[in-house]
Amino acid sequence: MSAAGDRLQDTARRAALALPEVSHGYPFTPGLDVYKVSRKVFLIVTDDPDEQIITVKCEPEHARAHVRAYASITPGRYLDKRHWISLGAGPGITEQLVTDAVEDSYHLAVERLPRRDRPGARRVPRASP
């Protein structure tokens, strides 16, 4: 079953918020709900009811394959079109595909963080002088 636009976005939000140490807000514009792990963006959800899409990080070869396989997946809106894809509702866009895309994007963002900033990294308090 395909995910309609609002369900696609709700699924993406739930998947993102289920991951460790995720924050979100509107740092760029009121119409873009941005999800981050540490300081790295991994999901953008549009709040425009006429354009219900999500944008996620994706390995370039997987991005090309998704764009070829699904009519409603396009090179990323707003960001580097090689490393980001945008998903809209359409044939084949299932809740599982959306969840997988969000989780993969999160893991790509985490891989690019310094080890000390990764979720679950042990933070040792500084000794006071």
Protein backbone atom coordinates (compact mmCIF):
# COMPACT_ATOMS: atom_id res chain seq x y z
CA MET A 1 0.00 0.00 0.00
CA SER A 2 1.36 3.43 -0.93
CA ALA A 3 1.85 6.09 1.72
CA ALA A 4 -0.22 9.24 1.05
CA GLY A 5 1.62 12.54 1.53
CA ASP A 6 0.51 13.24 5.10
CA ARG A 7 1.08 9.62 6.16
CA LEU A 8 4.48 9.65 4.43
CA GLN A 9 5.47 12.70 6.46
CA ASP A 10 4.03 11.32 9.72
CA THR A 11 5.87 8.04 9.15
CA ALA A 12 9.13 9.92 8.54
CA ARG A 13 8.68 12.03 11.68
CA ARG A 14 7.92 8.99 13.85
CA ALA A 15 10.89 7.08 12.43
CA ALA A 16 13.23 10.02 13.05
CA LEU A 17 12.04 10.65 16.61
CA ALA A 18 12.48 6.95 17.48
CA LEU A 19 16.22 7.24 16.81
CA PRO A 20 18.75 8.18 19.53
CA GLU A 21 19.57 11.83 20.27
CA VAL A 22 17.44 13.38 17.52
CA SER A 23 16.34 17.00 17.67
CA HIS A 24 14.17 18.98 15.30
CA GLY A 25 13.05 22.49 14.65
CA TYR A 26 12.75 25.19 12.00
CA PRO A 27 16.26 26.69 11.66
CA PHE A 28 15.96 27.67 7.99
CA THR A 29 12.35 28.68 7.38
CA PRO A 30 8.98 28.09 9.04
CA GLY A 31 7.99 25.67 6.23
CA LEU A 32 10.81 23.16 6.73
CA ASP A 33 10.84 20.87 9.78
CA VAL A 34 14.52 19.87 10.07
CA TYR A 35 15.69 16.76 11.96
CA LYS A 36 19.28 16.49 13.19
CA VAL A 37 21.55 14.15 15.04
CA SER A 38 24.11 16.27 16.85
CA ARG A 39 24.66 19.08 14.32
CA LYS A 40 24.03 16.98 11.20
CA VAL A 41 20.78 17.25 9.24
CA PHE A 42 19.37 13.91 8.10
CA LEU A 43 15.68 14.66 7.38
CA ILE A 44 13.70 17.63 6.14
CA VAL A 45 9.90 17.51 6.13
CA THR A 46 8.01 20.21 4.22
CA ASP A 47 5.03 21.75 5.97
CA ASP A 48 3.50 22.86 2.66
CA PRO A 49 0.21 20.93 2.15
CA ASP A 50 0.62 21.31 -1.62
CA GLU A 51 4.08 19.71 -1.59
CA GLN A 52 4.09 16.88 0.94
CA ILE A 53 7.63 15.55 0.59
CA ILE A 54 10.50 14.49 2.76
CA THR A 55 14.17 14.90 1.89
CA VAL A 56 16.83 12.49 3.20
CA LYS A 57 20.55 11.78 2.80
CA CYS A 58 21.35 8.88 0.49
CA GLU A 59 24.49 7.27 -0.92
CA PRO A 60 24.86 8.52 -4.52
CA GLU A 61 24.52 5.07 -6.13
CA HIS A 62 21.41 4.28 -4.06
CA ALA A 63 19.99 7.73 -4.83
CA ARG A 64 20.32 7.12 -8.58
CA ALA A 65 18.69 3.69 -8.24
CA HIS A 66 15.75 5.11 -6.25
CA VAL A 67 15.23 7.95 -8.74
CA ARG A 68 15.16 5.39 -11.59
CA ALA A 69 12.86 2.98 -9.74
CA TYR A 70 10.21 5.36 -8.36
CA ALA A 71 8.47 8.19 -10.20
CA SER A 72 7.88 10.11 -6.95
CA ILE A 73 11.51 10.01 -5.79
CA THR A 74 13.58 12.86 -7.18
CA PRO A 75 17.07 14.26 -6.58
CA GLY A 76 17.03 16.13 -3.28
CA ARG A 77 15.17 19.37 -3.03
CA TYR A 78 17.07 22.17 -1.25
CA LEU A 79 20.39 20.26 -0.99
CA ASP A 80 23.15 18.50 -2.94
CA LYS A 81 21.30 16.46 -5.54
CA ARG A 82 23.89 13.67 -5.53
CA HIS A 83 23.67 12.96 -1.81
CA TRP A 84 20.03 13.74 -1.07
CA ILE A 85 16.68 12.48 -2.41
CA SER A 86 13.15 13.77 -1.97
CA LEU A 87 10.26 11.34 -1.60
CA GLY A 88 6.65 12.15 -2.32
CA ALA A 89 3.55 9.97 -2.19
CA GLY A 90 3.15 7.68 -5.17
CA PRO A 91 3.21 4.11 -6.43
CA GLY A 92 5.62 1.93 -4.47
CA ILE A 93 6.30 4.51 -1.72
CA THR A 94 5.42 2.41 1.31
CA GLU A 95 5.72 3.20 4.99
CA GLN A 96 8.56 0.66 5.20
CA LEU A 97 10.45 2.37 2.36
CA VAL A 98 10.05 5.74 4.12
CA THR A 99 11.19 4.33 7.47
CA ASP A 100 14.19 2.66 5.84
CA ALA A 101 15.13 5.88 4.00
CA VAL A 102 14.99 7.91 7.25
CA GLU A 103 17.02 5.35 9.19
CA ASP A 104 19.63 5.06 6.41
CA SER A 105 19.90 8.86 6.30
CA TYR A 106 20.37 9.01 10.07
CA HIS A 107 23.16 6.42 9.93
CA LEU A 108 24.92 8.32 7.12
CA ALA A 109 24.81 11.48 9.25
CA VAL A 110 26.10 9.64 12.33
CA GLU A 111 29.01 8.17 10.33
CA ARG A 112 30.15 11.70 9.52
CA LEU A 113 30.18 12.83 13.16
CA PRO A 114 33.34 12.78 15.26
CA ARG A 115 33.22 9.71 17.51
CA ARG A 116 32.79 11.88 20.60
CA ASP A 117 29.59 13.41 19.14
CA ARG A 118 27.93 10.15 18.09
CA PRO A 119 24.83 8.95 19.95
CA GLY A 120 25.78 6.86 22.93
CA ALA A 121 29.33 8.23 23.09
CA ARG A 122 30.48 8.35 26.67
CA ARG A 123 30.88 11.95 27.74
CA VAL A 124 33.40 12.43 30.51
CA PRO A 125 32.83 15.56 32.59
CA ARG A 126 35.73 17.99 32.70
CA ALA A 127 37.61 18.29 35.95
CA SER A 128 37.35 21.72 37.52
CA PRO A 129 40.62 23.59 38.12
